[in-house]
Each structure stands twice: as C-alpha cells, then as structure tokens.
Amino acid sequence: MWTKYHKKRKLGRFVLPAMTVAFLSYFGYHCIHGDYGLKATDVFERQRVERERELAVLTAKREHLERQVALMSDGSMEKDMLDERARYQLNESRADEVVIFNSYFN
C-alpha cells in the first residue's frame, strides 16, 4: 500500500541512468553501423570514386567517337578513313597486307 511516507527504493535511482545508457547505445550503434552510418559512408565513397573512373573512361571514348564522326560527316571524307572503315566492315584485305585488329569501331 502506498502511503505518504513510503520508503524510497535504491532501484528507482538507476532507472533514468539505465534508460539514458540504453538510448545512447542504440543511437550510437546506428551512427556507426546503420544505413547512413560511418561504415555505409565509406562504402558510398568507394562507389563514387569507382564511378568517376568509369565516367572518365566513357567520356574519353565518347570524345574519340565524336572526332571520328566529325571526320566522316563534314562532306569531305578522307580516303584513308573510308578505306579503313570499309576494310573493317567487309573483313577484306589485300594479299600483301598485314592486318592488325583493334577495337576502334566497337
């Protein structure tokens, strides 16, 4: 029975600190291991660097293709460019030629 003069228990003094420790532990764990925590940030950073490298490679390839298109589309296509492209597409060569395949047109 609760009375006005009840004896305070020792357990009551530890409830608030225990809840505080549980609260801080929960959020501290998720700050490090959560979806947006420190470890996930490291993974995102590695993916960003890898994708920047891929972008640089694709940009260089695109610029190379743009230069080739500019050579072919200005109305005065160079004869050696036309010859090279036709030989590659038709898979033809002369008997006295040495053929080295590169992946220029892929």
Protein backbone atom coordinates (compact mmCIF):
# COMPACT_ATOMS: atom_id res chain seq x y z
CA MET A 1 0.00 0.00 0.00
CA TRP A 2 1.33 3.42 -0.94
CA THR A 3 1.46 5.90 1.78
CA LYS A 4 2.70 9.39 2.09
CA TYR A 5 5.78 8.21 3.92
CA HIS A 6 6.88 5.24 1.83
CA LYS A 7 10.48 4.14 1.85
CA LYS A 8 12.39 5.06 -1.35
CA ARG A 9 13.91 2.10 -3.13
CA LYS A 10 17.50 2.02 -4.36
CA LEU A 11 16.34 0.66 -7.72
CA GLY A 12 14.48 3.89 -8.51
CA ARG A 13 17.73 5.85 -8.64
CA PHE A 14 19.06 3.73 -11.53
CA VAL A 15 16.06 3.82 -13.86
CA LEU A 16 16.84 7.16 -15.52
CA PRO A 17 20.58 6.47 -15.99
CA ALA A 18 19.80 2.99 -17.36
CA MET A 19 17.32 4.45 -19.86
CA THR A 20 19.89 7.07 -20.86
CA VAL A 21 22.59 4.44 -21.43
CA ALA A 22 20.16 2.31 -23.49
CA PHE A 23 19.13 5.36 -25.56
CA LEU A 24 22.71 6.43 -26.27
CA SER A 25 23.80 2.86 -27.02
CA TYR A 26 21.01 2.37 -29.53
CA PHE A 27 21.68 5.57 -31.45
CA GLY A 28 25.46 5.22 -31.13
CA TYR A 29 25.32 1.77 -32.71
CA HIS A 30 23.21 3.04 -35.61
CA CYS A 31 25.52 6.02 -36.15
CA ILE A 32 28.28 3.58 -36.98
CA HIS A 33 26.54 0.50 -38.43
CA GLY A 34 23.26 1.94 -39.77
CA ASP A 35 22.19 2.54 -43.37
CA TYR A 36 23.68 6.05 -43.31
CA GLY A 37 26.35 5.45 -40.67
CA LEU A 38 30.11 5.78 -40.87
CA LYS A 39 30.69 2.38 -42.48
CA ALA A 40 28.00 2.98 -45.12
CA THR A 41 29.54 6.38 -45.88
CA ASP A 42 32.86 4.67 -46.58
CA VAL A 43 31.16 2.25 -48.99
CA PHE A 44 29.38 5.14 -50.74
CA GLU A 45 32.67 7.00 -51.12
CA ARG A 46 34.36 3.97 -52.73
CA GLN A 47 31.44 3.60 -55.16
CA ARG A 48 31.65 7.30 -56.04
CA VAL A 49 35.37 7.06 -56.85
CA GLU A 50 34.83 3.93 -58.95
CA ARG A 51 32.01 5.55 -60.90
CA GLU A 52 34.09 8.66 -61.51
CA ARG A 53 36.73 6.44 -63.12
CA GLU A 54 34.08 4.79 -65.30
CA LEU A 55 32.80 8.24 -66.29
CA ALA A 56 36.31 9.34 -67.31
CA VAL A 57 36.73 6.24 -69.49
CA LEU A 58 33.32 6.68 -71.12
CA THR A 59 33.95 10.39 -71.69
CA ALA A 60 37.24 9.64 -73.45
CA LYS A 61 35.55 7.00 -75.60
CA ARG A 62 32.76 9.43 -76.49
CA GLU A 63 35.24 12.15 -77.48
CA HIS A 64 37.09 9.65 -79.68
CA LEU A 65 33.86 8.68 -81.41
CA GLU A 66 32.87 12.34 -81.84
CA ARG A 67 36.21 13.03 -83.56
CA GLN A 68 35.64 10.09 -85.91
CA VAL A 69 32.12 11.26 -86.74
CA ALA A 70 33.41 14.78 -87.39
CA LEU A 71 35.94 13.37 -89.88
CA MET A 72 33.25 11.38 -91.67
CA SER A 73 30.39 13.88 -91.67
CA ASP A 74 31.89 17.16 -92.86
CA GLY A 75 31.27 16.27 -96.52
CA SER A 76 34.88 15.67 -97.41
CA MET A 77 35.53 12.23 -96.01
CA GLU A 78 39.16 11.36 -96.17
CA LYS A 79 40.02 8.44 -98.42
CA ASP A 80 42.13 6.57 -95.88
CA MET A 81 39.32 6.81 -93.30
CA LEU A 82 36.83 5.44 -95.82
CA ASP A 83 39.23 2.69 -96.85
CA GLU A 84 39.93 1.70 -93.25
CA ARG A 85 36.24 1.59 -92.36
CA ALA A 86 35.29 -0.43 -95.46
CA ARG A 87 38.05 -2.98 -94.87
CA TYR A 88 36.97 -3.38 -91.26
CA GLN A 89 33.29 -3.81 -92.10
CA LEU A 90 33.85 -6.16 -95.04
CA ASN A 91 36.69 -8.07 -93.40
CA GLU A 92 38.74 -7.80 -96.59
CA SER A 93 42.43 -7.15 -97.21
CA ARG A 94 44.98 -7.47 -99.97
CA ALA A 95 47.35 -10.41 -100.16
CA ASP A 96 50.42 -8.29 -99.39
CA GLU A 97 48.94 -6.58 -96.27
CA VAL A 98 49.33 -7.40 -92.62
CA VAL A 99 46.08 -6.93 -90.68
CA ILE A 100 46.09 -5.93 -87.01
CA PHE A 101 42.63 -5.73 -85.45
CA ASN A 102 41.88 -3.08 -82.85
CA SER A 103 38.51 -2.34 -81.36
CA TYR A 104 38.21 1.18 -82.80
CA PHE A 105 34.72 0.69 -84.17
CA ASN A 106 33.16 -1.28 -81.33
